[in-house]
């Protein structure tokens, strides 16, 4: 449990090195916690990380999974990426 917005923020801080040392693995951990609680921004960023393979192995199916979860909740960028991924 916890506060998903704070978990997203910690993921973002670790991803970009804001106030902490940049650490993609820690970013993934925090994004995943927030994403599992339904935070669309965490879901979207986690999907992008799986596309790029930063802190995790590249995994298109995982990226689609997280984009879909965010898209189903109305996250416009996730909807765009999901459509783009299905197109190719």
N, C-alpha and C. Protein backbone atom coordinates (compact mmCIF):
# COMPACT_ATOMS: atom_id res chain seq x y z
N UNK A 1 0.85 -1.19 0.00
CA UNK A 1 0.00 0.00 0.00
C UNK A 1 0.88 1.24 0.00
N UNK A 2 0.27 2.37 0.19
CA UNK A 2 1.01 3.61 0.21
C UNK A 2 0.32 4.66 -0.65
N UNK A 3 1.01 5.73 -0.81
CA UNK A 3 0.50 6.88 -1.54
C UNK A 3 1.08 6.84 -2.95
N UNK A 4 0.26 6.45 -3.91
CA UNK A 4 0.72 6.21 -5.29
C UNK A 4 1.36 7.44 -5.91
N UNK A 5 0.86 8.62 -5.60
CA UNK A 5 1.45 9.84 -6.17
C UNK A 5 2.90 10.02 -5.69
N UNK A 6 3.14 9.73 -4.41
CA UNK A 6 4.50 9.82 -3.88
C UNK A 6 5.39 8.75 -4.49
N UNK A 7 4.84 7.58 -4.72
CA UNK A 7 5.61 6.50 -5.32
C UNK A 7 5.99 6.86 -6.75
N UNK A 8 5.05 7.45 -7.49
CA UNK A 8 5.37 7.94 -8.83
C UNK A 8 6.49 8.98 -8.75
N UNK A 9 6.36 9.91 -7.82
CA UNK A 9 7.36 10.98 -7.68
C UNK A 9 8.74 10.42 -7.38
N UNK A 10 8.81 9.42 -6.51
CA UNK A 10 10.11 8.80 -6.22
C UNK A 10 10.68 8.12 -7.46
N UNK A 11 9.83 7.46 -8.22
CA UNK A 11 10.29 6.86 -9.47
C UNK A 11 10.87 7.90 -10.40
N UNK A 12 10.17 9.01 -10.53
CA UNK A 12 10.62 10.10 -11.41
C UNK A 12 11.95 10.67 -10.91
N UNK A 13 12.06 10.86 -9.59
CA UNK A 13 13.30 11.41 -9.02
C UNK A 13 14.49 10.48 -9.32
N UNK A 14 14.30 9.19 -9.15
CA UNK A 14 15.38 8.25 -9.44
C UNK A 14 15.66 8.15 -10.94
N UNK A 15 14.64 8.25 -11.76
CA UNK A 15 14.85 8.16 -13.20
C UNK A 15 15.69 9.32 -13.71
N UNK A 16 15.42 10.51 -13.19
CA UNK A 16 16.07 11.71 -13.70
C UNK A 16 17.13 12.30 -12.78
N UNK A 17 17.38 11.67 -11.62
CA UNK A 17 18.41 12.16 -10.71
C UNK A 17 18.06 13.47 -10.06
N UNK A 18 16.80 13.66 -9.73
CA UNK A 18 16.36 14.90 -9.07
C UNK A 18 16.39 14.72 -7.56
N UNK A 19 17.43 15.26 -6.91
CA UNK A 19 17.55 15.18 -5.46
C UNK A 19 18.15 13.87 -4.96
N UNK A 20 18.35 12.93 -5.87
CA UNK A 20 18.97 11.63 -5.56
C UNK A 20 19.88 11.27 -6.72
N UNK A 21 20.75 10.31 -6.50
CA UNK A 21 21.57 9.82 -7.61
C UNK A 21 20.66 9.10 -8.59
N UNK A 22 20.90 9.31 -9.88
CA UNK A 22 20.12 8.64 -10.91
C UNK A 22 20.31 7.14 -10.77
N UNK A 23 19.18 6.42 -10.75
CA UNK A 23 19.24 4.97 -10.58
C UNK A 23 17.99 4.38 -11.25
N UNK A 24 18.16 3.84 -12.43
CA UNK A 24 17.02 3.33 -13.19
C UNK A 24 16.36 2.12 -12.52
N UNK A 25 17.16 1.29 -11.87
CA UNK A 25 16.57 0.14 -11.19
C UNK A 25 15.65 0.56 -10.07
N UNK A 26 16.06 1.56 -9.30
CA UNK A 26 15.20 2.09 -8.21
C UNK A 26 13.97 2.78 -8.80
N UNK A 27 14.15 3.47 -9.92
CA UNK A 27 13.00 4.10 -10.58
C UNK A 27 11.97 3.06 -10.94
N UNK A 28 12.43 1.96 -11.51
CA UNK A 28 11.52 0.87 -11.89
C UNK A 28 10.78 0.35 -10.66
N UNK A 29 11.49 0.16 -9.56
CA UNK A 29 10.86 -0.34 -8.34
C UNK A 29 9.71 0.57 -7.90
N UNK A 30 9.99 1.87 -7.85
CA UNK A 30 8.97 2.82 -7.37
C UNK A 30 7.84 2.98 -8.36
N UNK A 31 8.16 3.03 -9.65
CA UNK A 31 7.10 3.11 -10.65
C UNK A 31 6.19 1.88 -10.57
N UNK A 32 6.79 0.71 -10.41
CA UNK A 32 6.00 -0.52 -10.35
C UNK A 32 5.04 -0.50 -9.15
N UNK A 33 5.52 -0.03 -8.02
CA UNK A 33 4.65 0.04 -6.83
C UNK A 33 3.48 0.97 -7.09
N UNK A 34 3.76 2.15 -7.64
CA UNK A 34 2.69 3.09 -7.95
C UNK A 34 1.77 2.57 -9.05
N UNK A 35 2.36 1.93 -10.06
CA UNK A 35 1.58 1.40 -11.18
C UNK A 35 0.62 0.31 -10.72
N UNK A 36 1.08 -0.54 -9.83
CA UNK A 36 0.23 -1.62 -9.32
C UNK A 36 -0.95 -1.09 -8.52
N UNK A 37 -0.82 0.14 -8.01
CA UNK A 37 -1.92 0.77 -7.28
C UNK A 37 -2.81 1.60 -8.20
N UNK A 38 -2.49 1.60 -9.51
CA UNK A 38 -3.36 2.26 -10.47
C UNK A 38 -2.96 3.66 -10.89
N UNK A 39 -1.78 4.13 -10.50
CA UNK A 39 -1.34 5.46 -10.92
C UNK A 39 -0.98 5.42 -12.40
N UNK A 40 -1.73 6.16 -13.22
CA UNK A 40 -1.54 6.10 -14.68
C UNK A 40 -0.19 6.64 -15.11
N UNK A 41 0.32 7.64 -14.41
CA UNK A 41 1.63 8.20 -14.78
C UNK A 41 2.73 7.17 -14.52
N UNK A 42 2.62 6.45 -13.42
CA UNK A 42 3.59 5.40 -13.12
C UNK A 42 3.48 4.27 -14.14
N UNK A 43 2.26 3.91 -14.51
CA UNK A 43 2.05 2.87 -15.51
C UNK A 43 2.67 3.28 -16.84
N UNK A 44 2.43 4.52 -17.25
CA UNK A 44 2.95 5.02 -18.52
C UNK A 44 4.48 5.06 -18.51
N UNK A 45 5.07 5.60 -17.46
CA UNK A 45 6.53 5.69 -17.39
C UNK A 45 7.16 4.30 -17.33
N UNK A 46 6.53 3.39 -16.61
CA UNK A 46 7.03 2.02 -16.55
C UNK A 46 6.99 1.38 -17.93
N UNK A 47 5.93 1.62 -18.67
CA UNK A 47 5.83 1.11 -20.04
C UNK A 47 6.97 1.65 -20.91
N UNK A 48 7.26 2.94 -20.79
CA UNK A 48 8.35 3.53 -21.58
C UNK A 48 9.69 2.92 -21.21
N UNK A 49 9.87 2.64 -19.93
CA UNK A 49 11.12 2.03 -19.48
C UNK A 49 11.27 0.64 -20.09
N UNK A 50 10.17 -0.12 -20.14
CA UNK A 50 10.24 -1.44 -20.77
C UNK A 50 10.50 -1.33 -22.27
N UNK A 51 10.04 -0.27 -22.91
CA UNK A 51 10.34 -0.06 -24.33
C UNK A 51 11.83 0.22 -24.54
N UNK A 52 12.41 1.04 -23.66
CA UNK A 52 13.79 1.48 -23.81
C UNK A 52 14.80 0.54 -23.17
N UNK A 53 14.36 -0.25 -22.19
CA UNK A 53 15.28 -1.15 -21.50
C UNK A 53 16.21 -0.45 -20.54
N UNK A 54 15.73 0.56 -19.86
CA UNK A 54 16.54 1.26 -18.85
C UNK A 54 16.19 0.72 -17.47
N UNK A 55 17.12 -0.02 -16.86
CA UNK A 55 16.87 -0.60 -15.55
C UNK A 55 16.19 -1.95 -15.60
N UNK A 56 15.76 -2.34 -16.79
CA UNK A 56 15.14 -3.66 -17.03
C UNK A 56 15.52 -4.10 -18.43
N UNK A 57 15.32 -5.37 -18.72
CA UNK A 57 15.48 -5.84 -20.10
C UNK A 57 14.34 -5.28 -20.93
N UNK A 58 14.63 -4.95 -22.19
CA UNK A 58 13.56 -4.52 -23.09
C UNK A 58 12.51 -5.61 -23.16
N UNK A 59 11.24 -5.19 -23.10
CA UNK A 59 10.18 -6.18 -23.11
C UNK A 59 8.92 -5.52 -23.69
N UNK A 60 8.67 -5.77 -24.98
CA UNK A 60 7.52 -5.16 -25.66
C UNK A 60 6.19 -5.59 -25.06
N UNK A 61 6.08 -6.85 -24.69
CA UNK A 61 4.80 -7.30 -24.14
C UNK A 61 4.50 -6.64 -22.80
N UNK A 62 5.52 -6.44 -21.97
CA UNK A 62 5.32 -5.72 -20.71
C UNK A 62 4.96 -4.26 -20.98
N UNK A 63 5.60 -3.65 -21.97
CA UNK A 63 5.29 -2.27 -22.33
C UNK A 63 3.84 -2.15 -22.77
N UNK A 64 3.39 -3.08 -23.60
CA UNK A 64 1.99 -3.07 -24.03
C UNK A 64 1.06 -3.23 -22.83
N UNK A 65 1.39 -4.14 -21.94
CA UNK A 65 0.57 -4.38 -20.74
C UNK A 65 0.38 -3.10 -19.93
N UNK A 66 1.48 -2.39 -19.65
CA UNK A 66 1.37 -1.18 -18.83
C UNK A 66 0.75 -0.02 -19.60
N UNK A 67 1.02 0.09 -20.90
CA UNK A 67 0.34 1.12 -21.70
C UNK A 67 -1.16 0.87 -21.69
N UNK A 68 -1.56 -0.38 -21.83
CA UNK A 68 -2.98 -0.71 -21.86
C UNK A 68 -3.65 -0.33 -20.53
N UNK A 69 -3.00 -0.64 -19.42
CA UNK A 69 -3.59 -0.31 -18.12
C UNK A 69 -3.79 1.20 -17.97
N UNK A 70 -2.79 1.96 -18.40
CA UNK A 70 -2.92 3.42 -18.31
C UNK A 70 -3.95 3.93 -19.32
N UNK A 71 -3.94 3.37 -20.53
CA UNK A 71 -4.87 3.81 -21.58
C UNK A 71 -6.31 3.56 -21.17
N UNK A 72 -6.57 2.42 -20.56
CA UNK A 72 -7.93 2.09 -20.13
C UNK A 72 -8.47 3.04 -19.07
N UNK A 73 -7.56 3.75 -18.40
CA UNK A 73 -7.96 4.74 -17.40
C UNK A 73 -7.96 6.16 -17.97
N UNK A 74 -7.76 6.27 -19.30
CA UNK A 74 -7.88 7.57 -19.95
C UNK A 74 -6.58 8.34 -20.14
N UNK A 75 -5.43 7.73 -19.91
CA UNK A 75 -4.15 8.42 -20.11
C UNK A 75 -3.91 8.57 -21.61
N UNK A 76 -4.00 9.80 -22.11
CA UNK A 76 -3.97 10.07 -23.55
C UNK A 76 -2.67 9.62 -24.21
N UNK A 77 -1.54 9.89 -23.60
CA UNK A 77 -0.27 9.48 -24.19
C UNK A 77 -0.15 7.96 -24.26
N UNK A 78 -0.65 7.28 -23.25
CA UNK A 78 -0.64 5.81 -23.27
C UNK A 78 -1.53 5.29 -24.38
N UNK A 79 -2.65 5.94 -24.61
CA UNK A 79 -3.54 5.54 -25.70
C UNK A 79 -2.83 5.69 -27.04
N UNK A 80 -2.12 6.80 -27.20
CA UNK A 80 -1.38 7.03 -28.44
C UNK A 80 -0.31 5.96 -28.64
N UNK A 81 0.51 5.73 -27.61
CA UNK A 81 1.59 4.75 -27.72
C UNK A 81 1.05 3.35 -27.97
N UNK A 82 -0.03 3.01 -27.32
CA UNK A 82 -0.63 1.69 -27.51
C UNK A 82 -1.08 1.51 -28.95
N UNK A 83 -1.75 2.52 -29.50
CA UNK A 83 -2.15 2.46 -30.90
C UNK A 83 -0.96 2.36 -31.83
N UNK A 84 0.07 3.11 -31.55
CA UNK A 84 1.29 3.09 -32.36
C UNK A 84 1.94 1.71 -32.30
N UNK A 85 1.99 1.12 -31.12
CA UNK A 85 2.62 -0.18 -30.97
C UNK A 85 1.84 -1.27 -31.70
N UNK A 86 0.53 -1.18 -31.71
CA UNK A 86 -0.28 -2.16 -32.43
C UNK A 86 -0.16 -1.97 -33.94
N UNK A 87 0.12 -0.74 -34.37
CA UNK A 87 0.26 -0.47 -35.78
C UNK A 87 1.50 -1.16 -36.35
N UNK A 88 2.54 -1.29 -35.52
CA UNK A 88 3.81 -1.86 -36.00
C UNK A 88 4.10 -3.11 -35.30
